[in-house]
Amino acid sequence: MTDCLFCKIVAKEIPATVVLETDRTLAFRDVDPQAPTHVLVVPKAHHEDAAALGGAGGGLAGEVLATAHAVAVQEGVADTGYRLVFNTGPGAGQTVPHVHAHVLGGRGLTWPPG
């Protein structure tokens, strides 16, 4: 997708603070962090939302989740707890139409968010 912000980050056309990269995923720091640890994990291939990722097959959804956990371990929040969030669609707060998991941690995270 030529106009997708995250596709441009994956293609290294737009800089990002990358914290982890695999063959099929990229994890980078959120530019507007909502917690001390706030990293986005995206598949390198463009999939619009979580539903599209789920239908992609080939184990890609599992790889995104595995990368998210690896980020939590690397960031030191795996043992104390972390939150994974997928916003799907504008009504849920998805602002970039490229599926991404938010890895949040480093402080108490209550639900519902307040």
Protein backbone atom coordinates (compact mmCIF):
# COMPACT_ATOMS: atom_id res chain seq x y z
CA MET A 1 0.00 0.00 0.00
CA THR A 2 1.71 3.19 -1.16
CA ASP A 3 0.14 5.62 1.32
CA CYS A 4 0.32 3.50 4.48
CA LEU A 5 2.39 5.01 7.30
CA PHE A 6 3.40 1.63 8.71
CA CYS A 7 4.29 0.24 5.27
CA LYS A 8 6.60 3.24 4.87
CA ILE A 9 8.18 2.51 8.27
CA VAL A 10 8.66 -1.15 7.28
CA ALA A 11 10.27 0.02 4.00
CA LYS A 12 12.58 2.35 6.01
CA GLU A 13 11.16 5.38 4.16
CA ILE A 14 10.09 6.92 7.49
CA PRO A 15 12.36 6.62 10.54
CA ALA A 16 11.24 4.76 13.64
CA THR A 17 12.91 3.51 16.78
CA VAL A 18 12.99 -0.20 16.02
CA VAL A 19 13.27 -2.47 19.05
CA LEU A 20 12.90 -5.88 17.37
CA GLU A 21 12.67 -7.22 13.83
CA THR A 22 11.98 -10.68 12.41
CA ASP A 23 11.61 -11.82 8.83
CA ARG A 24 7.88 -11.02 8.90
CA THR A 25 7.37 -8.54 11.77
CA LEU A 26 8.68 -5.19 12.94
CA ALA A 27 8.39 -3.72 16.44
CA PHE A 28 8.99 -0.02 17.08
CA ARG A 29 8.30 2.55 19.80
CA ASP A 30 5.01 4.45 19.68
CA VAL A 31 5.56 8.18 19.04
CA ASP A 32 2.84 9.04 21.60
CA PRO A 33 3.42 6.50 24.39
CA GLN A 34 0.56 5.78 26.78
CA ALA A 35 2.76 3.80 29.22
CA PRO A 36 6.48 3.59 30.03
CA THR A 37 6.66 0.66 27.60
CA HIS A 38 4.59 1.29 24.47
CA VAL A 39 5.77 -0.58 21.41
CA LEU A 40 3.85 -1.31 18.22
CA VAL A 41 4.25 -4.69 16.51
CA VAL A 42 3.24 -4.88 12.85
CA PRO A 43 3.43 -7.57 10.21
CA LYS A 44 5.68 -6.37 7.40
CA ALA A 45 3.02 -7.36 4.88
CA HIS A 46 0.06 -4.99 4.76
CA HIS A 47 -3.09 -6.29 6.44
CA GLU A 48 -5.68 -3.66 7.30
CA ASP A 49 -6.89 -4.88 10.69
CA ALA A 50 -6.99 -7.77 13.16
CA ALA A 51 -9.68 -9.55 11.13
CA ALA A 52 -7.49 -9.43 8.01
CA LEU A 53 -4.50 -10.65 10.02
CA GLY A 54 -6.54 -13.56 11.35
CA GLY A 55 -7.45 -14.55 7.81
CA ALA A 56 -3.91 -14.18 6.47
CA GLY A 57 -2.92 -17.74 7.36
CA GLY A 58 0.61 -19.06 7.38
CA GLY A 59 0.94 -18.50 11.10
CA LEU A 60 1.35 -14.75 10.71
CA ALA A 61 -1.03 -13.85 13.57
CA GLY A 62 0.88 -16.18 15.87
CA GLU A 63 4.16 -14.63 14.79
CA VAL A 64 2.86 -11.13 15.61
CA LEU A 65 1.89 -12.42 19.08
CA ALA A 66 5.26 -14.13 19.54
CA THR A 67 7.06 -10.92 18.57
CA ALA A 68 4.90 -8.97 21.03
CA HIS A 69 5.89 -11.36 23.81
CA ALA A 70 9.56 -11.14 22.82
CA VAL A 71 9.27 -7.35 23.06
CA ALA A 72 7.75 -7.66 26.55
CA VAL A 73 10.65 -9.89 27.62
CA GLN A 74 13.22 -7.54 26.08
CA GLU A 75 11.58 -4.49 27.70
CA GLY A 76 11.48 -6.19 31.12
CA VAL A 77 7.70 -6.24 31.54
CA ALA A 78 6.94 -9.90 30.81
CA ASP A 79 7.21 -11.00 34.45
CA THR A 80 5.18 -8.14 35.95
CA GLY A 81 2.53 -8.11 33.23
CA TYR A 82 1.79 -6.31 30.02
CA ARG A 83 -1.22 -5.54 27.87
CA LEU A 84 -1.69 -6.34 24.18
CA VAL A 85 -4.22 -4.20 22.33
CA PHE A 86 -5.49 -4.51 18.76
CA ASN A 87 -7.82 -1.66 17.77
CA THR A 88 -9.91 -2.72 14.77
CA GLY A 89 -11.67 0.03 12.83
CA PRO A 90 -12.02 3.75 13.46
CA GLY A 91 -14.81 3.25 16.01
CA ALA A 92 -12.32 1.36 18.19
CA GLY A 93 -9.59 3.96 17.80
CA GLN A 94 -7.59 2.44 14.93
CA THR A 95 -5.94 5.47 13.31
CA VAL A 96 -3.55 3.67 10.93
CA PRO A 97 -5.19 1.07 8.66
CA HIS A 98 -2.35 -1.46 9.04
CA VAL A 99 -2.89 -4.03 11.80
CA HIS A 100 -0.71 -3.40 14.83
CA ALA A 101 -0.47 -4.74 18.35
CA HIS A 102 0.22 -2.26 21.12
CA VAL A 103 2.53 -3.73 23.78
CA LEU A 104 1.93 -1.70 26.96
CA GLY A 105 3.59 -2.10 30.33
CA GLY A 106 5.85 -0.64 32.94
CA ARG A 107 3.09 0.68 35.23
CA GLY A 108 -0.20 -0.51 36.63
CA LEU A 109 -2.74 -0.84 33.84
CA THR A 110 -6.32 -0.80 35.04
CA TRP A 111 -9.39 -1.78 33.06
CA PRO A 112 -11.36 -0.06 31.86
CA PRO A 113 -8.79 2.61 31.05
CA GLY A 114 -9.48 5.87 32.76
